[in-house]
Protein backbone atom coordinates (compact mmCIF):
# COMPACT_ATOMS: atom_id res chain seq x y z
CA MET A 1 -37.87 -16.78 -16.79
CA GLY A 2 -36.21 -13.73 -18.88
CA LEU A 3 -33.61 -16.19 -20.30
CA LEU A 4 -36.77 -17.73 -22.41
CA GLN A 5 -37.68 -14.73 -23.65
CA GLU A 6 -34.19 -13.20 -24.05
CA GLN A 7 -32.39 -16.25 -25.09
CA PRO A 8 -34.88 -18.87 -26.65
CA LYS A 9 -32.73 -20.34 -29.28
CA ARG A 10 -30.07 -20.77 -26.64
CA MET A 11 -32.09 -22.50 -24.11
CA ALA A 12 -34.22 -24.34 -26.06
CA ARG A 13 -30.49 -25.65 -27.40
CA GLU A 14 -29.93 -26.36 -23.89
CA ARG A 15 -32.60 -28.46 -23.26
CA ARG A 16 -32.29 -30.32 -26.02
CA LEU A 17 -28.80 -31.41 -25.00
CA LEU A 18 -29.38 -32.08 -21.53
CA VAL A 19 -32.09 -34.39 -22.49
CA GLU A 20 -29.73 -36.05 -25.13
CA HIS A 21 -27.44 -36.33 -22.26
CA CYS A 22 -29.67 -37.92 -19.87
CA ARG A 23 -31.15 -40.57 -22.52
CA THR A 24 -27.35 -41.59 -23.38
CA THR A 25 -25.90 -41.27 -19.95
CA SER A 26 -26.42 -44.18 -17.39
CA GLY A 27 -26.78 -42.75 -13.69
CA PHE A 28 -27.85 -39.01 -14.88
CA HIS A 29 -31.33 -38.25 -14.10
CA ILE A 30 -33.21 -35.16 -14.79
CA GLN A 31 -35.62 -34.26 -12.28
CA ASN A 32 -37.31 -31.20 -12.90
CA TRP A 33 -36.77 -27.20 -14.45
CA GLY A 34 -38.08 -24.48 -12.34
CA GLU A 35 -36.73 -21.54 -10.85
CA THR A 36 -34.45 -20.63 -7.52
CA THR A 37 -35.80 -18.54 -4.93
CA ASP A 38 -33.81 -15.76 -6.58
CA GLY A 39 -36.13 -16.08 -9.88
CA GLU A 40 -33.41 -17.76 -11.85
CA LEU A 41 -33.60 -20.30 -14.19
CA CYS A 42 -32.34 -23.89 -13.16
CA LEU A 43 -32.42 -27.86 -13.76
CA ARG A 44 -32.62 -30.03 -10.96
CA PHE A 45 -30.77 -33.55 -11.72
CA SER A 46 -28.86 -36.29 -9.79
CA PHE A 47 -26.07 -38.33 -9.96
CA ASP A 48 -25.45 -42.00 -8.65
CA LEU A 49 -22.21 -42.16 -7.27
CA ALA A 50 -20.84 -44.87 -5.36
CA VAL A 51 -21.47 -43.17 -1.65
CA GLY A 52 -25.45 -42.66 -2.91
CA GLU A 53 -27.10 -39.95 -4.60
CA PHE A 54 -25.98 -36.67 -5.01
CA GLU A 55 -28.83 -34.00 -5.80
CA GLY A 56 -27.71 -31.16 -7.63
CA VAL A 57 -29.14 -27.89 -9.45
CA LEU A 58 -27.49 -26.23 -12.31
CA ILE A 59 -28.29 -22.73 -12.77
CA TYR A 60 -28.50 -20.28 -15.39
CA PRO A 61 -28.08 -16.96 -14.22
CA ASP A 62 -30.24 -14.25 -15.74
CA LEU A 63 -27.22 -13.01 -18.27
CA PHE A 64 -26.38 -16.27 -19.46
CA PRO A 65 -24.79 -17.20 -21.38
CA ASP A 66 -22.57 -13.98 -21.22
CA VAL A 67 -21.76 -15.28 -17.39
CA PRO A 68 -21.34 -18.44 -16.32
CA ALA A 69 -23.68 -21.22 -15.17
CA TYR A 70 -22.94 -23.39 -12.19
CA ILE A 71 -23.85 -26.22 -10.06
CA ARG A 72 -24.01 -26.63 -6.40
CA PRO A 73 -26.14 -29.07 -4.09
CA GLN A 74 -29.93 -28.88 -3.58
CA LYS A 75 -29.45 -28.78 0.10
CA HIS A 76 -27.86 -25.77 1.02
CA GLY A 77 -24.65 -26.88 3.57
CA GLU A 78 -24.06 -30.00 1.85
CA SER A 79 -20.63 -31.17 1.64
CA TRP A 80 -19.49 -33.29 -1.52
CA SER A 81 -16.40 -32.14 -2.57
CA GLY A 82 -13.17 -30.43 -1.55
CA HIS A 83 -13.71 -28.11 -4.35
CA GLN A 84 -16.42 -26.23 -3.12
CA TYR A 85 -16.83 -22.74 -2.22
CA LYS A 86 -17.32 -22.10 1.44
CA GLY A 87 -20.79 -20.58 2.15
CA SER A 88 -22.57 -21.07 -1.26
CA GLY A 89 -21.46 -24.84 -1.58
CA VAL A 90 -20.67 -24.02 -5.42
CA LEU A 91 -18.73 -26.73 -7.10
CA CYS A 92 -15.54 -25.45 -8.52
CA LEU A 93 -15.40 -26.97 -11.92
CA GLN A 94 -13.38 -26.82 -15.01
CA TYR A 95 -15.16 -23.99 -16.14
CA GLY A 96 -15.59 -20.92 -14.37
CA PRO A 97 -15.13 -16.81 -14.51
CA ASP A 98 -11.82 -17.04 -15.42
CA ASN A 99 -12.34 -19.16 -18.86
CA TRP A 100 -15.82 -19.13 -19.79
CA HIS A 101 -17.05 -18.39 -23.09
CA GLN A 102 -20.34 -18.71 -25.02
CA GLY A 103 -19.87 -22.05 -26.47
CA ILE A 104 -19.34 -23.92 -23.26
CA THR A 105 -22.82 -25.55 -22.52
CA GLY A 106 -24.54 -26.67 -19.04
CA VAL A 107 -24.20 -30.49 -20.32
CA ASP A 108 -20.21 -29.48 -20.00
CA LEU A 109 -21.03 -28.71 -16.57
CA ILE A 110 -22.79 -31.71 -15.80
CA ARG A 111 -20.16 -33.66 -17.01
CA SER A 112 -17.22 -31.54 -15.32
CA ALA A 113 -19.02 -32.22 -11.82
CA TYR A 114 -19.60 -35.97 -12.68
CA LEU A 115 -16.06 -36.38 -13.08
CA LEU A 116 -14.96 -34.14 -10.36
CA LEU A 117 -17.17 -36.26 -7.66
CA TRP A 118 -16.39 -39.80 -8.87
CA GLY A 119 -12.57 -38.72 -9.11
CA GLU A 120 -12.50 -37.59 -5.26
CA GLN A 121 -14.38 -41.05 -4.43
CA LEU A 122 -12.08 -43.45 -6.53
CA ALA A 123 -8.99 -41.35 -4.74
CA VAL A 124 -10.29 -42.64 -1.05
CA VAL A 125 -10.45 -45.93 -2.22
CA GLU A 126 -7.52 -46.30 -4.56
CA PRO A 127 -5.29 -43.66 -2.89
CA ARG A 128 -2.30 -44.32 -5.54
CA LEU A 129 -4.54 -42.48 -8.21
CA GLY A 130 -3.93 -39.35 -6.11
CA ALA A 131 -6.01 -36.28 -5.38
CA VAL A 132 -8.18 -34.86 -8.16
CA PRO A 133 -6.09 -32.00 -9.18
CA SER A 134 -7.09 -28.26 -8.83
CA ARG A 135 -7.41 -25.37 -10.52
CA HIS A 136 -8.70 -23.24 -7.55
CA ALA A 137 -6.53 -20.72 -7.08
CA SER A 138 -7.94 -18.14 -4.48
CA THR A 139 -6.78 -15.20 -3.01
CA VAL A 140 -5.86 -14.16 0.41
CA GLY A 141 -9.14 -11.94 0.48
CA GLN A 142 -11.58 -14.54 -1.09
CA ASP A 143 -9.87 -17.00 1.77
CA LEU A 144 -10.81 -14.42 4.18
CA ARG A 145 -14.25 -13.74 3.43
CA GLY A 146 -15.88 -16.06 5.83
CA SER A 147 -13.19 -14.94 8.69
CA PRO A 148 -14.17 -11.69 9.91
CA SER A 149 -11.91 -11.68 12.82
CA ARG A 150 -8.34 -11.96 11.78
CA PHE A 151 -5.10 -11.98 13.80
CA LEU A 152 -1.78 -10.52 11.86
CA VAL A 153 1.29 -12.46 12.31
CA THR A 154 4.18 -10.39 10.75
CA PRO A 155 8.18 -11.28 10.83
CA GLY A 156 8.51 -8.87 13.79
CA LEU A 157 6.12 -11.03 15.75
CA ARG A 158 8.20 -14.23 14.73
CA GLN A 159 11.18 -12.49 15.67
CA ARG A 160 9.85 -11.92 19.12
CA LEU A 161 8.38 -15.07 19.71
CA SER A 162 11.68 -16.85 18.69
CA ALA A 163 13.31 -15.25 21.66
CA ALA A 164 10.77 -15.32 24.05
CA LYS A 165 10.51 -17.93 26.78
CA LYS A 166 10.16 -21.57 25.64
CA ASP A 167 8.75 -22.85 29.14
CA ALA A 168 6.35 -20.11 30.52
CA PRO A 169 3.98 -17.30 29.37
CA THR A 170 5.43 -14.09 28.41
CA GLU A 171 3.39 -10.99 28.43
CA MET A 172 1.96 -9.36 25.01
CA LYS A 173 0.21 -6.49 23.88
CA ALA A 174 -2.04 -6.42 20.84
CA ALA A 175 -4.78 -3.50 19.28
CA LEU A 176 -8.05 -3.95 17.76
CA SER A 177 -9.22 -2.26 14.67
CA PHE A 178 -12.65 -2.54 13.11
CA LEU A 179 -13.61 -1.77 9.68
CA THR A 180 -17.47 -2.32 8.90
CA ASN A 181 -18.05 -6.17 10.30
CA SER A 182 -14.37 -7.08 10.50
CA ALA A 183 -12.02 -6.77 13.19
CA VAL A 184 -7.96 -7.22 12.75
CA ALA A 185 -6.18 -7.67 15.73
CA THR A 186 -2.31 -6.40 15.50
CA PRO A 187 0.29 -7.37 18.08
CA THR A 188 2.29 -4.20 19.37
CA GLY A 189 4.47 -5.60 22.17
CA ILE A 190 5.82 -8.83 23.78
CA GLY A 191 8.32 -9.35 26.31
CA ALA A 192 9.44 -8.78 29.72
CA PRO A 193 9.71 -5.87 29.72
CA ILE A 194 7.35 -5.24 26.71
CA GLU A 195 9.16 -4.17 23.50
CA PRO A 196 7.46 -3.26 20.51
CA ILE A 197 7.14 -5.26 17.59
CA PRO A 198 9.60 -3.92 15.10
CA ASP A 199 7.56 -3.88 11.86
CA ILE A 200 4.29 -2.43 13.44
CA PRO A 201 3.53 1.35 13.28
CA LYS A 202 3.70 2.74 16.97
CA GLU A 203 0.02 4.02 16.20
CA PHE A 204 -1.15 1.07 16.96
CA SER A 205 0.21 0.71 20.27
CA GLU A 206 -1.68 4.14 21.16
CA ALA A 207 -4.99 2.40 19.42
CA ARG A 208 -8.35 3.01 21.45
CA PHE A 209 -8.91 -0.59 21.68
CA ALA A 210 -5.46 -1.88 23.14
CA LEU A 211 -5.51 -5.58 24.53
CA SER A 212 -3.27 -7.18 27.05
CA GLY A 213 -2.56 -10.68 27.57
CA TRP A 214 0.30 -13.37 27.05
CA ALA A 215 2.03 -15.99 24.47
CA VAL A 216 1.96 -19.23 25.94
CA PRO A 217 4.11 -21.52 24.45
CA VAL A 218 2.69 -25.09 23.70
CA GLU A 219 3.58 -28.74 22.77
CA SER A 220 1.42 -28.38 19.41
CA THR A 221 -1.46 -25.99 18.71
CA SER A 222 -3.50 -28.64 16.87
CA ALA A 223 -4.30 -29.71 20.65
CA PHE A 224 -6.72 -26.79 20.84
CA GLU A 225 -9.16 -27.39 18.16
CA ALA A 226 -11.69 -28.35 20.33
CA VAL A 227 -11.56 -25.23 22.66
CA LYS A 228 -14.31 -23.38 22.34
CA ASP A 229 -14.65 -21.39 25.39
CA ILE A 230 -12.83 -20.02 28.56
CA GLU A 231 -13.11 -22.90 30.72
CA SER A 232 -12.06 -25.71 27.88
CA MET A 233 -9.08 -23.14 27.50
CA GLN A 234 -8.19 -23.03 31.09
CA ALA A 235 -8.66 -27.02 31.30
CA THR A 236 -6.56 -27.73 28.06
CA LEU A 237 -3.88 -25.29 29.23
CA GLY A 238 -3.63 -26.42 32.74
CA SER A 239 -0.46 -25.42 34.57
CA GLN A 240 0.21 -23.02 31.63
CA TRP A 241 -3.09 -20.63 32.52
CA PRO A 242 -1.32 -17.38 33.02
CA TRP A 243 -4.61 -15.48 34.70
CA GLY A 244 -4.36 -17.38 38.02
CA VAL A 245 -7.73 -18.58 39.50
CA GLY A 246 -10.21 -15.76 38.42
CA LEU A 247 -10.76 -14.06 35.12
CA ASP A 248 -12.18 -10.34 35.34
CA GLY A 249 -14.44 -8.64 32.86
CA GLY A 250 -11.93 -6.96 30.74
CA LEU A 251 -10.58 -7.67 27.48
CA HIS A 252 -7.72 -10.20 27.06
CA CYS A 253 -6.10 -11.74 24.51
CA LEU A 254 -4.33 -15.11 24.25
CA LEU A 255 -1.18 -16.20 21.66
CA LEU A 256 -0.48 -20.00 21.61
CA HIS A 257 2.56 -20.80 19.83
CA ASP A 258 4.72 -24.27 19.32
CA GLU A 259 8.14 -25.29 18.05
CA GLN A 260 6.58 -25.75 14.49
CA GLY A 261 5.92 -22.36 14.20
CA GLN A 262 2.11 -22.60 14.16
CA ILE A 263 0.05 -19.59 16.04
CA ARG A 264 -3.48 -19.46 17.25
CA PHE A 265 -4.81 -16.52 18.69
CA PHE A 266 -8.09 -15.66 20.97
CA PHE A 267 -9.84 -12.83 22.09
CA PHE A 268 -11.99 -13.00 25.21
CA SER A 269 -13.65 -11.44 28.40
CA GLY A 270 -14.60 -12.87 31.62
CA GLY A 271 -17.29 -11.83 33.85
CA SER A 272 -20.99 -12.09 34.39
CA LYS A 273 -20.95 -12.17 30.60
CA PRO A 274 -18.14 -14.04 28.91
CA LEU A 275 -17.04 -13.39 25.37
CA PHE A 276 -14.82 -15.80 23.51
CA TRP A 277 -13.48 -15.98 19.88
CA GLU A 278 -10.73 -17.84 18.10
CA TYR A 279 -9.07 -14.90 15.07
CA ARG A 280 -7.82 -16.65 11.95
CA THR A 281 -4.30 -16.01 11.77
CA LEU A 282 -3.07 -13.79 8.84
CA ASP A 283 0.62 -14.99 8.30
CA VAL A 284 2.77 -12.13 6.37
CA ALA A 285 5.85 -13.01 8.08
CA GLY A 286 6.59 -15.81 5.10
CA ASP A 287 5.58 -13.11 2.35
CA GLY A 288 8.54 -13.34 0.03
CA ARG A 289 7.32 -11.74 -2.92
CA ARG A 290 9.46 -8.97 -4.16
CA ARG A 291 7.63 -5.66 -4.30
CA TYR A 292 10.60 -3.52 -5.25
CA PRO A 293 12.24 -3.36 -8.53
CA GLU A 294 15.92 -4.30 -8.31
CA GLU A 295 17.18 -0.88 -9.22
CA LEU A 296 15.34 0.48 -6.04
CA HIS A 297 17.38 -1.05 -3.56
CA ARG A 298 20.00 1.85 -3.42
CA LEU A 299 16.92 3.93 -2.34
CA SER A 300 17.19 2.61 1.52
CA GLY A 301 20.49 4.74 1.70
CA ALA A 302 19.08 7.97 0.27
CA ALA A 303 18.15 11.08 2.01
CA VAL A 304 15.58 13.64 0.82
CA ALA A 305 14.86 16.82 1.28
CA ILE A 306 10.95 18.02 0.44
CA VAL A 307 10.24 21.62 0.92
CA GLY A 308 6.84 22.62 0.83
CA LEU A 309 4.14 20.08 1.71
CA GLY A 310 1.10 20.89 0.17
CA SER A 311 -0.71 19.25 -2.59
CA LEU A 312 2.59 18.73 -4.66
CA GLY A 313 5.01 17.84 -1.89
CA SER A 314 2.56 15.96 0.34
CA LYS A 315 1.91 13.13 -2.61
CA ILE A 316 5.64 13.02 -3.51
CA ALA A 317 6.77 12.03 0.24
CA VAL A 318 4.10 9.64 0.66
CA SER A 319 5.24 8.02 -3.25
CA LEU A 320 9.13 8.03 -2.43
CA ALA A 321 8.13 6.33 1.01
CA ARG A 322 6.21 3.18 -0.86
CA SER A 323 9.39 3.33 -3.22
CA GLY A 324 11.74 2.44 -0.89
CA VAL A 325 13.20 5.86 0.61
CA ARG A 326 13.91 5.51 4.38
CA CYS A 327 15.31 9.27 5.16
CA PHE A 328 13.22 12.37 5.11
CA LEU A 329 13.99 16.06 5.92
CA LEU A 330 10.22 17.75 5.84
CA ILE A 331 10.31 21.32 5.47
CA ASP A 332 6.63 23.49 5.47
CA ASP A 333 5.23 26.19 7.89
CA ASP A 334 1.84 25.98 7.08
CA VAL A 335 -1.09 24.21 8.91
CA PHE A 336 -3.53 21.35 7.15
CA LEU A 337 -7.01 23.00 7.03
CA PRO A 338 -10.56 21.45 5.40
CA ASP A 339 -9.82 23.67 2.30
CA ASN A 340 -6.93 21.75 1.67
CA LEU A 341 -8.58 18.57 1.36
CA VAL A 342 -9.37 18.86 -2.36
CA ARG A 343 -5.68 18.34 -3.57
CA ASN A 344 -3.56 17.04 -0.26
CA GLU A 345 -2.72 13.59 0.61
CA LEU A 346 -3.70 14.13 4.13
CA ASN A 347 -7.28 13.75 5.44
CA TRP A 348 -9.78 15.05 7.83
CA LEU A 349 -8.14 13.28 10.81
CA ASP A 350 -4.86 15.66 9.84
CA VAL A 351 -6.93 18.98 10.11
CA GLY A 352 -5.89 21.44 12.51
CA PHE A 353 -2.07 19.83 12.79
CA ALA A 354 1.38 21.03 11.20
CA LYS A 355 1.79 19.44 7.89
CA ILE A 356 5.11 18.22 8.39
CA ASP A 357 3.56 16.33 11.75
CA ALA A 358 0.60 14.91 9.96
CA VAL A 359 2.90 13.80 6.76
CA GLU A 360 5.51 12.37 8.95
CA ARG A 361 2.53 9.99 10.85
CA GLU A 362 1.41 9.31 7.30
CA LEU A 363 5.12 8.11 6.28
CA LYS A 364 5.90 6.10 9.51
CA ARG A 365 2.38 4.31 8.93
CA ILE A 366 3.78 3.00 5.67
CA ALA A 367 7.27 2.14 7.22
CA PRO A 368 7.58 2.07 10.66
CA ALA A 369 11.51 2.08 10.61
CA ILE A 370 11.33 5.47 8.60
CA GLU A 371 13.38 8.26 9.93
CA VAL A 372 12.17 11.32 9.67
CA LYS A 373 13.31 15.06 10.34
CA THR A 374 11.33 18.05 10.66
CA SER A 375 11.50 21.92 10.29
CA SER A 376 8.78 24.52 10.26
CA VAL A 377 10.82 27.20 9.07
CA ARG A 378 9.71 29.15 6.28
CA ILE A 379 12.65 28.74 3.39
CA GLY A 380 13.12 32.01 1.68
CA GLY A 381 10.88 33.92 4.43
CA GLN A 382 11.46 36.17 7.19
CA GLU A 383 12.87 33.99 10.07
CA ASN A 384 15.50 34.04 12.72
CA PRO A 385 18.69 33.87 10.76
CA GLN A 386 20.43 31.05 13.17
CA LEU A 387 17.63 28.79 12.26
CA SER A 388 17.76 29.18 9.00
CA ALA A 389 21.66 28.38 8.73
CA SER A 390 20.87 25.38 11.02
CA LEU A 391 18.38 24.32 8.46
CA SER A 392 20.63 24.98 5.62
CA LYS A 393 23.16 22.71 7.10
CA LEU A 394 20.71 19.88 7.56
CA ILE A 395 19.44 20.39 3.91
CA SER A 396 23.15 20.00 2.69
CA GLN A 397 23.24 16.38 3.94
CA SER A 398 20.54 15.39 1.81
CA SER A 399 21.16 13.46 -1.10
CA LEU A 400 18.34 15.38 -2.93
CA ILE A 401 16.26 18.10 -2.74
CA ILE A 402 12.84 18.57 -4.12
CA ASP A 403 11.45 22.15 -4.13
CA ALA A 404 7.44 21.90 -4.34
CA THR A 405 6.59 24.96 -2.98
CA SER A 406 6.41 27.29 -6.23
CA ASP A 407 7.91 30.03 -4.26
CA PRO A 408 10.25 32.23 -6.27
CA LYS A 409 11.86 33.27 -3.10
CA ALA A 410 12.36 29.53 -1.84
CA PHE A 411 13.69 28.56 -5.06
CA VAL A 412 16.24 31.28 -5.25
CA ALA A 413 17.61 30.22 -1.64
CA LEU A 414 17.41 26.51 -2.37
CA SER A 415 19.04 26.55 -5.62
CA ALA A 416 22.42 28.68 -4.05
CA LEU A 417 22.32 25.83 -1.36
CA ALA A 418 21.94 23.01 -4.01
CA ALA A 419 24.72 24.64 -6.24
CA ARG A 420 27.10 25.42 -3.05
CA SER A 421 26.86 22.09 -1.57
CA LYS A 422 26.76 20.17 -4.78
CA LEU A 423 23.46 18.65 -4.33
CA ALA A 424 20.89 17.44 -6.45
CA MET A 425 17.54 19.25 -7.00
CA LEU A 426 13.97 18.73 -8.43
CA TRP A 427 11.33 21.29 -8.84
CA GLY A 428 8.16 21.24 -10.34
CA GLU A 429 4.79 23.65 -10.89
CA ILE A 430 1.23 23.31 -11.86
CA PHE A 431 0.00 25.72 -14.55
CA ALA A 432 -2.71 27.74 -13.15
CA GLY A 433 -6.09 25.79 -14.39
CA GLY A 434 -4.51 22.60 -14.26
CA GLY A 435 -3.75 22.50 -18.22
CA GLY A 436 -0.31 21.15 -17.70
CA ALA A 437 2.92 21.40 -15.63
CA LEU A 438 6.69 21.53 -15.70
CA MET A 439 9.42 19.47 -13.97
CA ALA A 440 12.98 19.89 -14.10
CA ARG A 441 16.22 18.61 -12.29
CA SER A 442 19.30 19.52 -11.57
CA ARG A 443 22.19 17.26 -11.07
CA PRO A 444 25.93 18.45 -10.21
CA GLY A 445 28.36 17.55 -12.60
CA LEU A 446 25.79 16.60 -15.63
CA ASP A 447 23.21 20.10 -15.31
CA ALA A 448 23.76 23.55 -14.71
CA VAL A 449 23.24 24.80 -11.68
CA PRO A 450 18.82 25.30 -10.63
CA LEU A 451 18.90 29.06 -11.32
CA SER A 452 20.35 28.67 -14.48
CA LEU A 453 18.38 25.94 -15.72
CA ARG A 454 15.31 27.96 -14.38
CA SER A 455 16.52 30.95 -16.25
CA HIS A 456 16.76 29.18 -19.47
CA ILE A 457 13.46 27.28 -19.19
CA HIS A 458 11.61 30.43 -19.02
CA GLY A 459 13.63 31.84 -22.04
CA VAL A 460 12.71 28.54 -23.85
CA MET A 461 8.95 29.34 -22.92
CA GLU A 462 9.26 32.92 -24.32
CA THR A 463 9.71 31.38 -27.79
CA MET A 464 6.33 29.45 -27.72
CA ALA A 465 2.74 30.52 -28.53
CA PRO A 466 1.59 33.23 -25.67
CA VAL A 467 0.32 31.62 -22.29
CA PRO A 468 -3.64 31.79 -22.37
CA GLU A 469 -4.03 35.42 -20.52
CA GLY A 470 -6.29 35.80 -17.64
CA PRO A 471 -6.26 36.25 -13.94
CA ALA A 472 -4.37 33.62 -12.32
CA ASN A 473 -4.75 32.80 -8.19
CA ASN A 474 -3.00 29.63 -7.09
CA TYR A 475 -4.09 26.47 -8.73
CA ALA A 476 -7.33 28.75 -10.59
CA LEU A 477 -7.22 30.14 -13.74
CA GLU A 478 -9.85 32.43 -15.09
CA GLN A 479 -10.43 32.88 -18.90
CA ASP A 480 -13.19 34.25 -21.01
CA GLY A 481 -15.46 34.39 -18.11
CA GLN A 482 -14.75 31.04 -16.91
CA VAL A 483 -12.55 29.60 -14.01
CA TYR A 484 -10.52 26.68 -14.83
CA ILE A 485 -8.97 25.06 -11.43
CA ALA A 486 -6.53 22.31 -11.38
CA SER A 487 -8.35 19.01 -10.01
CA ASP A 488 -6.56 16.57 -7.51
CA ALA A 489 -5.92 14.19 -10.45
CA ASP A 490 -3.64 17.10 -11.91
CA VAL A 491 -1.65 17.25 -9.03
CA THR A 492 -1.29 13.94 -8.80
CA ALA A 493 -0.07 13.32 -12.59
CA LEU A 494 2.70 15.63 -11.85
CA ALA A 495 3.82 14.06 -8.63
CA ALA A 496 3.57 10.64 -10.11
CA SER A 497 6.32 12.05 -12.65
CA MET A 498 7.97 13.79 -10.02
CA THR A 499 8.73 10.90 -8.22
CA GLN A 500 9.79 8.70 -10.98
CA PHE A 501 12.35 11.51 -12.11
CA ALA A 502 13.43 11.65 -8.26
CA LEU A 503 13.97 7.82 -8.19
CA ASP A 504 15.93 8.22 -11.51
CA THR A 505 17.84 10.86 -10.01
CA ILE A 506 18.68 9.11 -7.06
CA CYS A 507 19.28 5.62 -8.48
CA THR A 508 20.49 6.41 -12.18
CA GLU A 509 24.36 7.21 -12.37
CA VAL A 510 24.81 6.53 -16.12
CA ASP A 511 21.90 5.61 -18.97
CA SER A 512 19.25 7.75 -17.43
CA ALA A 513 15.76 7.23 -18.80
CA TYR A 514 15.19 10.94 -18.99
CA PRO A 515 17.87 12.55 -21.69
CA VAL A 516 16.63 16.14 -21.14
CA ALA A 517 16.75 18.37 -17.68
CA ALA A 518 13.20 19.60 -17.99
CA TYR A 519 10.01 18.86 -19.49
CA LEU A 520 6.38 20.54 -20.12
CA ILE A 521 3.45 18.00 -19.47
CA GLY A 522 0.09 18.68 -20.68
CA PHE A 523 -2.84 17.43 -19.17
CA ARG A 524 -5.31 18.44 -21.33
CA LYS A 525 -5.54 20.10 -24.87
CA PHE A 526 -4.11 23.89 -23.60
CA TRP A 527 -1.37 26.06 -24.81
CA VAL A 528 0.99 24.46 -26.84
CA PHE A 529 -0.31 20.99 -25.53
CA ARG A 530 -1.89 19.38 -28.76
CA CYS A 531 -3.92 16.64 -26.46
CA PRO A 532 -3.65 15.38 -23.37
CA PHE A 533 -0.40 13.52 -22.20
CA ASP A 534 1.51 15.65 -25.03
CA THR A 535 4.96 15.97 -23.19
CA ILE A 536 7.21 18.53 -24.58
CA PRO A 537 11.09 17.92 -23.48
CA VAL A 538 13.13 21.06 -23.11
CA ASP A 539 16.96 21.15 -23.97
CA CYS A 540 19.06 22.46 -21.55
CA SER A 541 22.48 22.07 -23.16
CA GLY A 542 22.59 25.71 -23.93
CA ALA A 543 22.00 26.40 -19.94
CA LEU A 544 25.07 23.99 -19.43
CA GLN A 545 27.88 26.33 -17.31
CA LYS A 546 31.60 25.47 -16.67
CA ALA A 547 31.97 25.91 -12.75
CA PRO A 548 33.85 29.59 -12.31
CA ASP A 549 37.73 28.99 -11.61
CA ALA A 550 39.11 29.47 -7.90
CA GLU A 551 39.94 33.11 -7.86
CA GLU A 552 43.82 33.73 -6.86
CA LEU A 553 44.45 35.37 -3.73
CA SER A 554 47.10 38.60 -3.47
CA ASP A 555 49.65 38.97 -0.81
CA GLU A 556 48.28 41.09 1.22
CA GLU A 557 44.75 38.47 1.08
CA PHE A 558 46.83 35.51 1.86
CA ALA A 559 48.61 36.98 4.80
CA GLY A 560 44.88 38.28 6.19
CA LEU A 561 43.64 34.68 5.92
CA ALA A 562 46.77 33.51 7.62
CA GLU A 563 46.37 36.23 10.60
CA LEU A 564 42.70 34.60 10.77
CA GLU A 565 43.67 31.55 11.38
CA LYS A 566 46.19 32.09 13.95
CA ASP A 567 43.20 34.00 15.78
CA ILE A 568 41.06 31.05 15.86
CA GLU A 569 43.43 28.86 16.85
CA ALA A 570 44.54 31.00 19.81
CA THR A 571 40.88 31.29 20.66
CA VAL A 572 40.65 27.52 20.82
CA ASN A 573 43.74 26.86 23.01
CA VAL A 574 42.12 29.06 25.58
CA ALA A 575 38.99 27.77 25.69
CA ASP A 576 40.56 24.28 25.85
CA ASN A 577 42.83 25.46 28.57
CA ASP A 578 39.78 26.71 30.62
CA SER A 579 38.06 23.39 29.94
CA SER A 580 40.74 21.58 31.42
């Protein structure tokens, strides 16, 4: 009874108010004070109602009045109202965690419970009075707490079901996934032959717990409310039962659907030890909530080339996919190793695989219809010239190039390609030690070419205070005997900023949210950064260059060019004649 010691004045007031309410209110009776099995202070009471006596308990949690008191039936499992929380039986009253304040008393809860229970009973006698309004708005997660077995209904599944036979079963496949005490069944294919569900990633069809079964059209799924085992299911389906006479001990699934769009899903196994479960449907097919800002709708037509899929590039790729980009070219020659886990977007399931393949898999788990091209060529490295030429052609077809390598050789190669193909290019790097970062972009016709921009940015940085001295190694900086290492949070902060920068570059033709082409971003007090989140815009207007005028050809060069065109045309004609 800690409340009596910690809140003596409040609890004395609570008792006085309840006693007074009992004395002045007909039909309310105090039975006794005591403790719950959890040791919490409580008052047992009763109401006189039209259908009998409601015996309830008003519970004062140990942290009352900072947390709300609540009321439930004294007997667990009793159902008195349509406004009770499943499992606990606690009444959903006028006051709860979402609107609680210390001025609310136990008497306020008693009155609220009385009005609720009487109101519901009057609504039964006089339907014209209408149902008692509810303020109870639960989330999907709250609704599913008592349903550990769930079946996912997606727009793609409904699309396939609408095209399925209306008078006979259709083969289907599903996959089971498990996490803690929950199981989720996901449809992966349906039809004859079976066609993949369009909005489900391919990996689900390759899951370890794969199920085969049937989708069966029925007149009404509500006719199967009482079905609790295989025998009753077979009897209720009659001639629609798709498994013939016997059912083996393997795992099977059955989906029932009707013309009203209702779906029920069952998972069972025959044999000597039969199993039978009905899964709660989790319908996301009608989720019309807008998830993307209006200005991001242009992303679906954009193609983004990301060079370098280390800590920075992997995070940018995933964030862009979540934002709506649906076409990627991923370039990296490295393999994902355990040492990369500290900052990369990937995890242990990806160790040992090429980074491009692992990131591709991650992107397709986000959006199954995403298009990903990959290349393991090292930009600016010693590679087959033919491969480099082919890759350059692929990159030139992109809408945006993102250099996440922090490699000067790669930058020079990509800069030349961006300038030649008139492509936007974005790049960034974390300063050694994680104290801050740089990000910049070049847009054709609006900014200088990338190489000129980078030279200008470095020139501006040279006019600032000297960068702290000390040996730098990748993301680490040693200074005054202490090693500073960039954390995953540092890289994530830059990745988030660069993703926003990229979205602005793709979606905004005028009125950009970014007035300059480059930014220095501080993650802590370091170098020229006065405090965390200190951002220094770098004016790059001085780097703006006019494109060089096309050089005029001399008479000799013009004649030579004409002869070259004739030679090529003649060779093509010969080849065409040979092929015919």
